[in-house]
N, C-alpha and C. Protein backbone atom coordinates (compact mmCIF):
# COMPACT_ATOMS: atom_id res chain seq x y z
N MET A 1 3.42 6.18 -81.32
CA MET A 1 2.79 6.73 -80.19
C MET A 1 2.56 5.71 -79.10
N SER A 2 2.50 4.48 -79.47
CA SER A 2 2.32 3.44 -78.48
C SER A 2 3.55 3.28 -77.61
N SER A 3 4.74 3.65 -78.14
CA SER A 3 5.93 3.57 -77.32
C SER A 3 5.95 4.67 -76.26
N GLN A 4 5.27 5.79 -76.49
CA GLN A 4 5.23 6.88 -75.51
C GLN A 4 4.17 6.65 -74.44
N ASP A 5 3.11 5.91 -74.70
CA ASP A 5 2.05 5.67 -73.71
C ASP A 5 2.57 4.97 -72.47
N PRO A 6 3.41 3.93 -72.60
CA PRO A 6 3.91 3.33 -71.36
C PRO A 6 4.77 4.30 -70.55
N GLU A 7 5.52 5.19 -71.25
CA GLU A 7 6.33 6.16 -70.51
C GLU A 7 5.44 7.15 -69.77
N ARG A 8 4.40 7.64 -70.43
CA ARG A 8 3.50 8.57 -69.78
C ARG A 8 2.76 7.91 -68.64
N SER A 9 2.37 6.70 -68.84
CA SER A 9 1.64 6.04 -67.77
C SER A 9 2.55 5.79 -66.56
N ALA A 10 3.81 5.52 -66.79
CA ALA A 10 4.74 5.34 -65.67
C ALA A 10 4.98 6.67 -64.96
N ALA A 11 5.15 7.74 -65.74
CA ALA A 11 5.34 9.07 -65.15
C ALA A 11 4.06 9.51 -64.45
N GLY A 12 2.92 9.21 -65.06
CA GLY A 12 1.63 9.55 -64.45
C GLY A 12 1.42 8.78 -63.16
N ARG A 13 1.83 7.51 -63.16
CA ARG A 13 1.70 6.71 -61.94
C ARG A 13 2.62 7.23 -60.84
N ALA A 14 3.83 7.63 -61.21
CA ALA A 14 4.75 8.20 -60.22
C ALA A 14 4.17 9.49 -59.63
N ALA A 15 3.55 10.30 -60.48
CA ALA A 15 2.93 11.52 -59.99
C ALA A 15 1.74 11.19 -59.08
N LEU A 16 1.02 10.14 -59.43
CA LEU A 16 -0.12 9.73 -58.60
C LEU A 16 0.34 9.29 -57.21
N ILE A 17 1.39 8.51 -57.15
CA ILE A 17 1.88 8.04 -55.84
C ILE A 17 2.44 9.21 -55.04
N GLU A 18 3.11 10.15 -55.72
CA GLU A 18 3.63 11.33 -55.02
C GLU A 18 2.48 12.14 -54.44
N GLU A 19 1.41 12.33 -55.20
CA GLU A 19 0.24 13.06 -54.73
C GLU A 19 -0.43 12.32 -53.57
N ALA A 20 -0.54 11.00 -53.67
CA ALA A 20 -1.14 10.20 -52.60
C ALA A 20 -0.29 10.28 -51.33
N LEU A 21 1.04 10.23 -51.48
CA LEU A 21 1.94 10.36 -50.31
C LEU A 21 1.80 11.73 -49.67
N ARG A 22 1.69 12.77 -50.46
CA ARG A 22 1.52 14.12 -49.93
C ARG A 22 0.23 14.21 -49.13
N ARG A 23 -0.87 13.67 -49.65
CA ARG A 23 -2.14 13.70 -48.94
C ARG A 23 -2.07 12.86 -47.66
N ALA A 24 -1.42 11.71 -47.71
CA ALA A 24 -1.30 10.85 -46.53
C ALA A 24 -0.47 11.52 -45.45
N ARG A 25 0.61 12.19 -45.86
CA ARG A 25 1.43 12.90 -44.86
C ARG A 25 0.67 14.07 -44.24
N ALA A 26 -0.09 14.78 -45.03
CA ALA A 26 -0.90 15.88 -44.51
C ALA A 26 -1.95 15.36 -43.54
N ALA A 27 -2.60 14.24 -43.89
CA ALA A 27 -3.61 13.65 -43.00
C ALA A 27 -2.97 13.17 -41.70
N GLN A 28 -1.79 12.56 -41.80
CA GLN A 28 -1.08 12.10 -40.60
C GLN A 28 -0.70 13.28 -39.72
N SER A 29 -0.28 14.36 -40.32
CA SER A 29 0.09 15.56 -39.57
C SER A 29 -1.13 16.13 -38.84
N GLU A 30 -2.26 16.20 -39.54
CA GLU A 30 -3.49 16.69 -38.91
C GLU A 30 -3.92 15.77 -37.78
N TYR A 31 -3.77 14.46 -37.98
CA TYR A 31 -4.14 13.49 -36.93
C TYR A 31 -3.26 13.67 -35.70
N LEU A 32 -1.95 13.80 -35.91
CA LEU A 32 -1.04 13.97 -34.78
C LEU A 32 -1.29 15.30 -34.06
N ASP A 33 -1.61 16.35 -34.81
CA ASP A 33 -1.96 17.63 -34.17
C ASP A 33 -3.22 17.47 -33.32
N ALA A 34 -4.21 16.78 -33.85
CA ALA A 34 -5.46 16.56 -33.10
C ALA A 34 -5.17 15.72 -31.85
N GLN A 35 -4.33 14.69 -31.97
CA GLN A 35 -3.98 13.87 -30.82
C GLN A 35 -3.25 14.70 -29.76
N ALA A 36 -2.36 15.58 -30.20
CA ALA A 36 -1.64 16.44 -29.26
C ALA A 36 -2.62 17.38 -28.56
N ASN A 37 -3.59 17.91 -29.29
CA ASN A 37 -4.58 18.79 -28.68
C ASN A 37 -5.43 18.04 -27.67
N VAL A 38 -5.77 16.78 -27.97
CA VAL A 38 -6.56 15.97 -27.03
C VAL A 38 -5.73 15.69 -25.78
N ALA A 39 -4.45 15.36 -25.96
CA ALA A 39 -3.58 15.11 -24.81
C ALA A 39 -3.45 16.37 -23.96
N ASP A 40 -3.32 17.53 -24.62
CA ASP A 40 -3.25 18.80 -23.87
C ASP A 40 -4.54 19.04 -23.11
N LEU A 41 -5.68 18.77 -23.75
CA LEU A 41 -6.97 18.95 -23.09
C LEU A 41 -7.09 18.03 -21.88
N ARG A 42 -6.67 16.78 -22.03
CA ARG A 42 -6.71 15.84 -20.91
C ARG A 42 -5.82 16.32 -19.76
N PHE A 43 -4.62 16.75 -20.11
CA PHE A 43 -3.70 17.23 -19.07
C PHE A 43 -4.26 18.45 -18.36
N LEU A 44 -4.85 19.39 -19.11
CA LEU A 44 -5.41 20.59 -18.49
C LEU A 44 -6.56 20.24 -17.55
N ARG A 45 -7.40 19.30 -17.93
CA ARG A 45 -8.49 18.89 -17.04
C ARG A 45 -7.95 18.22 -15.78
N LEU A 46 -6.93 17.40 -15.93
CA LEU A 46 -6.33 16.75 -14.76
C LEU A 46 -5.63 17.77 -13.87
N GLN A 47 -5.00 18.78 -14.48
CA GLN A 47 -4.34 19.83 -13.70
C GLN A 47 -5.38 20.62 -12.90
N ALA A 48 -6.53 20.91 -13.51
CA ALA A 48 -7.60 21.62 -12.80
C ALA A 48 -8.10 20.78 -11.63
N LEU A 49 -8.22 19.47 -11.82
CA LEU A 49 -8.63 18.57 -10.73
C LEU A 49 -7.57 18.55 -9.63
N ALA A 50 -6.30 18.53 -10.01
CA ALA A 50 -5.22 18.56 -9.01
C ALA A 50 -5.26 19.85 -8.20
N ASP A 51 -5.51 20.98 -8.87
CA ASP A 51 -5.60 22.25 -8.16
C ASP A 51 -6.77 22.25 -7.18
N GLU A 52 -7.89 21.69 -7.60
CA GLU A 52 -9.06 21.61 -6.71
C GLU A 52 -8.77 20.71 -5.51
N MET A 53 -8.09 19.59 -5.74
CA MET A 53 -7.75 18.68 -4.64
C MET A 53 -6.74 19.33 -3.69
N ALA A 54 -5.87 20.17 -4.21
CA ALA A 54 -4.93 20.89 -3.34
C ALA A 54 -5.69 21.84 -2.42
N GLU A 55 -6.73 22.46 -2.92
CA GLU A 55 -7.56 23.34 -2.08
C GLU A 55 -8.31 22.52 -1.02
N ILE A 56 -8.83 21.37 -1.42
CA ILE A 56 -9.60 20.53 -0.50
C ILE A 56 -8.72 20.00 0.63
N THR A 57 -7.49 19.61 0.31
CA THR A 57 -6.61 18.98 1.30
C THR A 57 -5.63 19.96 1.93
N LYS A 58 -5.89 21.23 1.79
CA LYS A 58 -4.96 22.27 2.24
C LYS A 58 -4.56 22.15 3.71
N GLY A 59 -5.46 21.86 4.61
CA GLY A 59 -5.16 21.87 6.04
C GLY A 59 -4.54 20.58 6.58
N GLN A 60 -4.37 19.57 5.77
CA GLN A 60 -3.86 18.29 6.25
C GLN A 60 -2.34 18.33 6.38
N LYS A 61 -1.86 18.02 7.59
CA LYS A 61 -0.42 18.03 7.80
C LYS A 61 0.20 16.71 7.32
N ASP A 62 1.39 16.78 6.82
CA ASP A 62 2.18 15.64 6.35
C ASP A 62 1.48 14.83 5.26
N LEU A 63 0.55 15.43 4.54
CA LEU A 63 -0.15 14.71 3.47
C LEU A 63 0.80 14.42 2.31
N ASP A 64 1.72 15.32 2.05
CA ASP A 64 2.63 15.13 0.93
C ASP A 64 3.64 14.02 1.16
N VAL A 65 3.70 13.47 2.36
CA VAL A 65 4.60 12.36 2.64
C VAL A 65 4.14 11.09 1.93
N PHE A 66 2.82 10.86 1.89
CA PHE A 66 2.32 9.63 1.28
C PHE A 66 1.34 9.88 0.13
N MET A 67 1.00 11.12 -0.16
CA MET A 67 0.11 11.45 -1.28
C MET A 67 0.83 12.38 -2.25
N THR A 68 0.60 12.17 -3.54
CA THR A 68 1.24 13.00 -4.56
C THR A 68 0.32 14.12 -5.02
N LEU A 69 -0.84 13.75 -5.55
CA LEU A 69 -1.84 14.70 -6.05
C LEU A 69 -1.24 15.71 -7.02
N LYS A 70 -0.53 15.21 -8.04
CA LYS A 70 0.07 16.06 -9.06
C LYS A 70 -0.25 15.50 -10.43
N ALA A 71 -0.58 16.40 -11.38
CA ALA A 71 -0.82 16.01 -12.77
C ALA A 71 0.53 15.92 -13.48
N VAL A 72 0.72 14.85 -14.24
CA VAL A 72 1.96 14.67 -15.00
C VAL A 72 1.60 14.41 -16.46
N PRO A 73 2.31 15.07 -17.38
CA PRO A 73 2.04 14.83 -18.79
C PRO A 73 2.55 13.45 -19.20
N GLY A 74 2.09 12.98 -20.30
CA GLY A 74 2.52 11.68 -20.80
C GLY A 74 1.47 11.14 -21.74
N ASP A 75 1.58 9.87 -22.04
CA ASP A 75 0.59 9.24 -22.91
C ASP A 75 0.02 8.04 -22.20
N PRO A 76 -1.07 8.13 -21.53
CA PRO A 76 -1.93 9.29 -21.33
C PRO A 76 -1.45 10.12 -20.14
N PRO A 77 -1.85 11.40 -20.09
CA PRO A 77 -1.54 12.20 -18.90
C PRO A 77 -2.26 11.61 -17.69
N ARG A 78 -1.66 11.79 -16.50
CA ARG A 78 -2.24 11.21 -15.28
C ARG A 78 -2.21 12.22 -14.16
N LEU A 79 -3.15 12.04 -13.25
CA LEU A 79 -3.12 12.73 -11.96
C LEU A 79 -2.70 11.67 -10.96
N LEU A 80 -1.45 11.75 -10.50
CA LEU A 80 -0.95 10.77 -9.54
C LEU A 80 -1.54 11.09 -8.17
N VAL A 81 -2.19 10.11 -7.57
CA VAL A 81 -2.81 10.31 -6.26
C VAL A 81 -1.85 9.84 -5.18
N ASP A 82 -1.43 8.60 -5.27
CA ASP A 82 -0.42 8.06 -4.36
C ASP A 82 0.34 6.99 -5.14
N GLY A 83 1.07 6.17 -4.45
CA GLY A 83 1.89 5.17 -5.13
C GLY A 83 1.09 4.07 -5.81
N ARG A 84 -0.21 3.97 -5.50
CA ARG A 84 -1.00 2.88 -6.06
C ARG A 84 -2.17 3.34 -6.91
N SER A 85 -2.48 4.61 -6.94
CA SER A 85 -3.68 5.04 -7.66
C SER A 85 -3.42 6.31 -8.46
N HIS A 86 -4.22 6.48 -9.50
CA HIS A 86 -4.11 7.65 -10.36
C HIS A 86 -5.44 7.88 -11.07
N VAL A 87 -5.57 9.08 -11.65
CA VAL A 87 -6.75 9.43 -12.44
C VAL A 87 -6.28 9.68 -13.86
N VAL A 88 -7.01 9.12 -14.83
CA VAL A 88 -6.75 9.38 -16.24
C VAL A 88 -8.05 9.81 -16.90
N MET A 89 -7.93 10.42 -18.05
CA MET A 89 -9.09 10.81 -18.84
C MET A 89 -9.26 9.74 -19.92
N GLU A 90 -9.96 8.68 -19.60
CA GLU A 90 -10.16 7.56 -20.52
C GLU A 90 -11.58 7.07 -20.40
N PRO A 91 -12.18 6.50 -21.36
CA PRO A 91 -11.71 6.21 -22.70
C PRO A 91 -11.79 7.40 -23.65
N ASP A 92 -12.38 8.51 -23.22
CA ASP A 92 -12.43 9.71 -24.05
C ASP A 92 -11.98 10.90 -23.22
N PRO A 93 -11.75 12.05 -23.83
CA PRO A 93 -11.22 13.21 -23.10
C PRO A 93 -12.19 13.84 -22.10
N ARG A 94 -13.43 13.35 -22.01
CA ARG A 94 -14.40 13.91 -21.07
C ARG A 94 -14.62 13.04 -19.84
N THR A 95 -14.11 11.82 -19.85
CA THR A 95 -14.39 10.86 -18.78
C THR A 95 -13.20 10.73 -17.84
N TYR A 96 -13.46 10.99 -16.56
CA TYR A 96 -12.45 10.79 -15.51
C TYR A 96 -12.52 9.33 -15.06
N MET A 97 -11.35 8.72 -14.86
CA MET A 97 -11.31 7.34 -14.38
C MET A 97 -10.29 7.24 -13.25
N LEU A 98 -10.78 6.95 -12.03
CA LEU A 98 -9.91 6.74 -10.87
C LEU A 98 -9.55 5.27 -10.83
N ILE A 99 -8.25 4.98 -10.93
CA ILE A 99 -7.77 3.60 -11.04
C ILE A 99 -6.87 3.29 -9.86
N TYR A 100 -7.10 2.12 -9.25
CA TYR A 100 -6.26 1.60 -8.17
C TYR A 100 -5.45 0.44 -8.75
N ASP A 101 -4.12 0.55 -8.72
CA ASP A 101 -3.23 -0.52 -9.17
C ASP A 101 -2.69 -1.23 -7.94
N GLY A 102 -3.36 -2.30 -7.53
CA GLY A 102 -2.93 -3.05 -6.36
C GLY A 102 -1.82 -4.01 -6.72
N PRO A 103 -1.29 -4.69 -5.72
CA PRO A 103 -0.19 -5.62 -5.98
C PRO A 103 -0.63 -6.81 -6.84
N GLU A 104 -1.90 -7.15 -6.81
CA GLU A 104 -2.36 -8.31 -7.56
C GLU A 104 -3.35 -7.99 -8.66
N ASP A 105 -4.02 -6.83 -8.58
CA ASP A 105 -5.02 -6.53 -9.58
C ASP A 105 -5.19 -5.04 -9.76
N ARG A 106 -5.91 -4.67 -10.80
CA ARG A 106 -6.21 -3.28 -11.10
C ARG A 106 -7.72 -3.11 -11.01
N LYS A 107 -8.12 -2.06 -10.26
CA LYS A 107 -9.55 -1.80 -10.07
C LYS A 107 -9.88 -0.39 -10.54
N ILE A 108 -11.01 -0.25 -11.19
CA ILE A 108 -11.52 1.07 -11.53
C ILE A 108 -12.46 1.47 -10.39
N LEU A 109 -12.05 2.45 -9.60
CA LEU A 109 -12.82 2.87 -8.44
C LEU A 109 -13.95 3.82 -8.81
N CYS A 110 -13.76 4.58 -9.88
CA CYS A 110 -14.80 5.51 -10.31
C CYS A 110 -14.56 5.85 -11.78
N GLU A 111 -15.65 5.93 -12.55
CA GLU A 111 -15.59 6.37 -13.94
C GLU A 111 -16.78 7.28 -14.17
N THR A 112 -16.50 8.55 -14.45
CA THR A 112 -17.58 9.52 -14.59
C THR A 112 -17.15 10.67 -15.48
N GLU A 113 -18.14 11.34 -16.06
CA GLU A 113 -17.88 12.56 -16.82
C GLU A 113 -18.03 13.80 -15.94
N SER A 114 -18.56 13.62 -14.74
CA SER A 114 -18.81 14.74 -13.83
C SER A 114 -17.57 15.03 -12.98
N ARG A 115 -17.12 16.27 -13.05
CA ARG A 115 -15.96 16.65 -12.24
C ARG A 115 -16.33 16.66 -10.76
N ARG A 116 -17.54 17.05 -10.44
CA ARG A 116 -17.98 17.06 -9.04
C ARG A 116 -17.95 15.65 -8.46
N VAL A 117 -18.40 14.66 -9.22
CA VAL A 117 -18.42 13.28 -8.74
C VAL A 117 -17.00 12.77 -8.52
N ILE A 118 -16.10 13.03 -9.46
CA ILE A 118 -14.72 12.55 -9.30
C ILE A 118 -14.05 13.26 -8.12
N GLU A 119 -14.36 14.53 -7.88
CA GLU A 119 -13.80 15.23 -6.72
C GLU A 119 -14.27 14.58 -5.43
N GLU A 120 -15.56 14.23 -5.37
CA GLU A 120 -16.10 13.58 -4.17
C GLU A 120 -15.46 12.21 -3.95
N LYS A 121 -15.35 11.42 -5.00
CA LYS A 121 -14.75 10.08 -4.87
C LYS A 121 -13.28 10.18 -4.51
N LEU A 122 -12.59 11.12 -5.12
CA LEU A 122 -11.16 11.29 -4.82
C LEU A 122 -10.97 11.80 -3.40
N THR A 123 -11.83 12.70 -2.94
CA THR A 123 -11.76 13.20 -1.56
C THR A 123 -12.00 12.05 -0.58
N GLU A 124 -12.97 11.22 -0.89
CA GLU A 124 -13.26 10.06 -0.04
C GLU A 124 -12.07 9.10 -0.01
N TYR A 125 -11.47 8.85 -1.18
CA TYR A 125 -10.30 7.97 -1.25
C TYR A 125 -9.14 8.54 -0.44
N VAL A 126 -8.88 9.83 -0.58
CA VAL A 126 -7.79 10.48 0.17
C VAL A 126 -8.06 10.39 1.67
N ALA A 127 -9.31 10.59 2.09
CA ALA A 127 -9.64 10.51 3.52
C ALA A 127 -9.37 9.11 4.05
N HIS A 128 -9.75 8.10 3.28
CA HIS A 128 -9.48 6.72 3.71
C HIS A 128 -7.98 6.44 3.79
N GLN A 129 -7.21 7.00 2.87
CA GLN A 129 -5.76 6.80 2.91
C GLN A 129 -5.14 7.52 4.10
N ILE A 130 -5.68 8.68 4.47
CA ILE A 130 -5.17 9.40 5.64
C ILE A 130 -5.42 8.58 6.90
N VAL A 131 -6.63 8.02 7.02
CA VAL A 131 -6.96 7.19 8.19
C VAL A 131 -6.07 5.95 8.23
N ALA A 132 -5.83 5.33 7.08
CA ALA A 132 -4.96 4.15 7.03
C ALA A 132 -3.53 4.52 7.43
N GLN A 133 -3.07 5.67 7.00
CA GLN A 133 -1.72 6.11 7.36
C GLN A 133 -1.62 6.38 8.86
N GLU A 134 -2.65 7.02 9.43
CA GLU A 134 -2.65 7.26 10.87
C GLU A 134 -2.65 5.95 11.64
N ARG A 135 -3.43 4.98 11.18
CA ARG A 135 -3.49 3.69 11.84
C ARG A 135 -2.14 2.97 11.74
N ALA A 136 -1.49 3.08 10.59
CA ALA A 136 -0.18 2.44 10.42
C ALA A 136 0.88 3.07 11.32
N LEU A 137 0.77 4.36 11.54
CA LEU A 137 1.75 5.03 12.40
C LEU A 137 1.43 4.91 13.88
N GLY A 138 0.26 4.41 14.20
CA GLY A 138 -0.16 4.30 15.59
C GLY A 138 -1.02 5.48 15.96
N ALA A 139 -1.70 5.34 17.05
CA ALA A 139 -2.61 6.40 17.49
C ALA A 139 -1.81 7.55 18.06
N ALA A 140 -1.45 8.47 17.24
CA ALA A 140 -0.69 9.64 17.68
C ALA A 140 -1.66 10.67 18.23
N PRO A 141 -1.28 11.37 19.29
CA PRO A 141 -2.18 12.41 19.80
C PRO A 141 -2.36 13.50 18.76
N GLU A 142 -3.51 14.13 18.79
CA GLU A 142 -3.82 15.19 17.84
C GLU A 142 -2.85 16.36 17.98
N GLU A 143 -2.57 16.75 19.24
CA GLU A 143 -1.65 17.85 19.48
C GLU A 143 -0.49 17.34 20.32
N ALA A 144 0.70 17.67 19.93
CA ALA A 144 1.87 17.25 20.67
C ALA A 144 1.94 18.02 21.99
N GLU A 145 2.45 17.36 23.00
CA GLU A 145 2.59 18.03 24.29
C GLU A 145 3.69 19.09 24.17
N PRO A 146 3.50 20.22 24.80
CA PRO A 146 4.54 21.24 24.74
C PRO A 146 5.78 20.76 25.48
N PRO A 147 6.95 21.13 25.00
CA PRO A 147 8.18 20.69 25.68
C PRO A 147 8.24 21.27 27.08
N GLN A 148 8.72 20.44 28.01
CA GLN A 148 8.81 20.88 29.40
C GLN A 148 10.07 21.70 29.60
N THR A 149 9.91 22.80 30.26
CA THR A 149 11.07 23.64 30.55
C THR A 149 11.67 23.18 31.88
N PRO A 150 12.98 23.14 31.95
CA PRO A 150 13.62 22.70 33.20
C PRO A 150 13.33 23.68 34.34
N THR A 151 13.13 23.11 35.52
CA THR A 151 12.86 23.94 36.70
C THR A 151 14.12 24.00 37.56
N ALA A 152 14.07 24.83 38.58
CA ALA A 152 15.21 24.98 39.49
C ALA A 152 15.48 23.67 40.23
N SER A 153 14.43 22.93 40.56
CA SER A 153 14.64 21.67 41.29
C SER A 153 15.32 20.63 40.39
N SER A 154 15.04 20.64 39.09
CA SER A 154 15.73 19.68 38.23
C SER A 154 17.21 20.06 38.08
N TYR A 155 17.51 21.36 38.01
CA TYR A 155 18.91 21.78 37.98
C TYR A 155 19.62 21.38 39.27
N LEU A 156 18.97 21.52 40.43
CA LEU A 156 19.55 21.16 41.71
C LEU A 156 19.81 19.66 41.79
N ALA A 157 18.88 18.86 41.27
CA ALA A 157 19.05 17.40 41.30
C ALA A 157 20.24 16.99 40.44
N VAL A 158 20.39 17.59 39.27
CA VAL A 158 21.53 17.26 38.40
C VAL A 158 22.83 17.70 39.06
N TRP A 159 22.85 18.86 39.72
CA TRP A 159 24.06 19.34 40.38
C TRP A 159 24.45 18.39 41.52
N CYS A 160 23.47 17.96 42.34
CA CYS A 160 23.75 17.04 43.45
C CYS A 160 24.29 15.71 42.92
N LEU A 161 23.71 15.22 41.85
CA LEU A 161 24.20 13.96 41.26
C LEU A 161 25.64 14.12 40.80
N GLY A 162 25.98 15.26 40.22
CA GLY A 162 27.35 15.51 39.78
C GLY A 162 28.32 15.57 40.95
N VAL A 163 27.90 16.19 42.06
CA VAL A 163 28.76 16.28 43.25
C VAL A 163 29.02 14.89 43.81
N VAL A 164 27.98 14.07 43.91
CA VAL A 164 28.13 12.71 44.44
C VAL A 164 29.05 11.89 43.53
N MET A 165 28.84 11.97 42.21
CA MET A 165 29.68 11.21 41.28
C MET A 165 31.13 11.67 41.35
N GLY A 166 31.35 12.98 41.48
CA GLY A 166 32.71 13.50 41.61
C GLY A 166 33.38 13.01 42.89
N ALA A 167 32.63 12.99 44.01
CA ALA A 167 33.19 12.53 45.28
C ALA A 167 33.57 11.06 45.19
N LEU A 168 32.74 10.25 44.57
CA LEU A 168 33.06 8.82 44.40
C LEU A 168 34.28 8.63 43.52
N ALA A 169 34.37 9.41 42.45
CA ALA A 169 35.54 9.30 41.57
C ALA A 169 36.81 9.70 42.31
N LEU A 170 36.76 10.75 43.14
CA LEU A 170 37.92 11.20 43.91
C LEU A 170 38.32 10.15 44.94
N PHE A 171 37.34 9.54 45.61
CA PHE A 171 37.62 8.48 46.59
C PHE A 171 38.28 7.28 45.90
N ALA A 172 37.79 6.92 44.75
CA ALA A 172 38.37 5.78 44.03
C ALA A 172 39.79 6.09 43.58
N TYR A 173 40.07 7.32 43.17
CA TYR A 173 41.40 7.69 42.72
C TYR A 173 42.39 7.67 43.87
N ILE A 174 41.97 8.18 45.05
CA ILE A 174 42.85 8.23 46.22
C ILE A 174 43.16 6.81 46.70
N ASN A 175 42.20 5.95 46.71
CA ASN A 175 42.38 4.61 47.25
C ASN A 175 42.74 3.57 46.18
N ALA A 176 42.99 4.00 44.97
CA ALA A 176 43.29 3.06 43.90
C ALA A 176 44.59 2.31 44.17
N ASP A 177 45.62 3.00 44.69
CA ASP A 177 46.89 2.31 44.93
C ASP A 177 46.75 1.27 46.03
N LYS A 178 45.94 1.53 47.05
CA LYS A 178 45.72 0.56 48.12
C LYS A 178 44.98 -0.65 47.59
N LEU A 179 43.98 -0.42 46.75
CA LEU A 179 43.21 -1.52 46.20
C LEU A 179 44.05 -2.39 45.25
N VAL A 180 44.88 -1.75 44.46
CA VAL A 180 45.73 -2.49 43.53
C VAL A 180 46.73 -3.33 44.32
N SER A 181 47.38 -2.76 45.37
CA SER A 181 48.35 -3.51 46.15
C SER A 181 47.67 -4.64 46.91
N LEU A 182 46.45 -4.43 47.37
CA LEU A 182 45.71 -5.48 48.05
C LEU A 182 45.40 -6.62 47.09
N GLU A 183 45.01 -6.32 45.89
CA GLU A 183 44.73 -7.35 44.89
C GLU A 183 46.00 -8.13 44.53
N ILE A 184 47.11 -7.44 44.42
CA ILE A 184 48.39 -8.13 44.11
C ILE A 184 48.77 -9.04 45.25
N PHE A 185 48.63 -8.56 46.52
CA PHE A 185 48.94 -9.38 47.69
C PHE A 185 48.06 -10.62 47.70
N ARG A 186 46.78 -10.48 47.43
CA ARG A 186 45.88 -11.64 47.42
C ARG A 186 46.28 -12.60 46.32
N ALA A 187 46.67 -12.06 45.18
CA ALA A 187 47.06 -12.94 44.07
C ALA A 187 48.32 -13.73 44.39
N LEU A 188 49.27 -13.12 45.11
CA LEU A 188 50.51 -13.81 45.44
C LEU A 188 50.34 -14.81 46.58
N THR A 189 49.51 -14.50 47.53
CA THR A 189 49.35 -15.36 48.70
C THR A 189 48.17 -16.29 48.58
N GLY A 190 47.46 -16.21 47.51
CA GLY A 190 46.25 -17.01 47.33
C GLY A 190 46.57 -18.49 47.19
N PRO A 191 45.57 -19.31 47.22
CA PRO A 191 45.73 -20.78 47.20
C PRO A 191 46.35 -21.30 45.98
């Protein structure tokens, strides 16, 4: 019977490792499902914030040229604000974090669990970026001047200019042979 005990213990140990592997795989699966649910929750919260920001910035013209304001899935999901800043739900799924990634450093501009606070900070950030964009483009007038419609006097001026240019061209064509022969004569008799 002692010769069978080592066999049973080896078979029993193999069964133990198989059972432990099954439990570990089940736990890993549950963990990954929970992580996916947390990522989905983060993305949904960022999408709701993006929708609210779209309502806030609705009347701004050409905002989409330099602002993104779109939620993108990923690890972690982000609300892209512009080329340098974004919002993530970190360090937990309830905390909004507005991050500025500058050329030399990274700054956390706001970290809060309150959606109202992050909306206010994000609105303020967007307003500052709009002002900076306007300053970079120069002081453009608020309303463009309406295009001027041509008047009868402008048509008359263009017509007169055309008549004068045509008369000069006709005079030059008629006298071209005289001018060419005069230039040849000067070239032959010149010093």
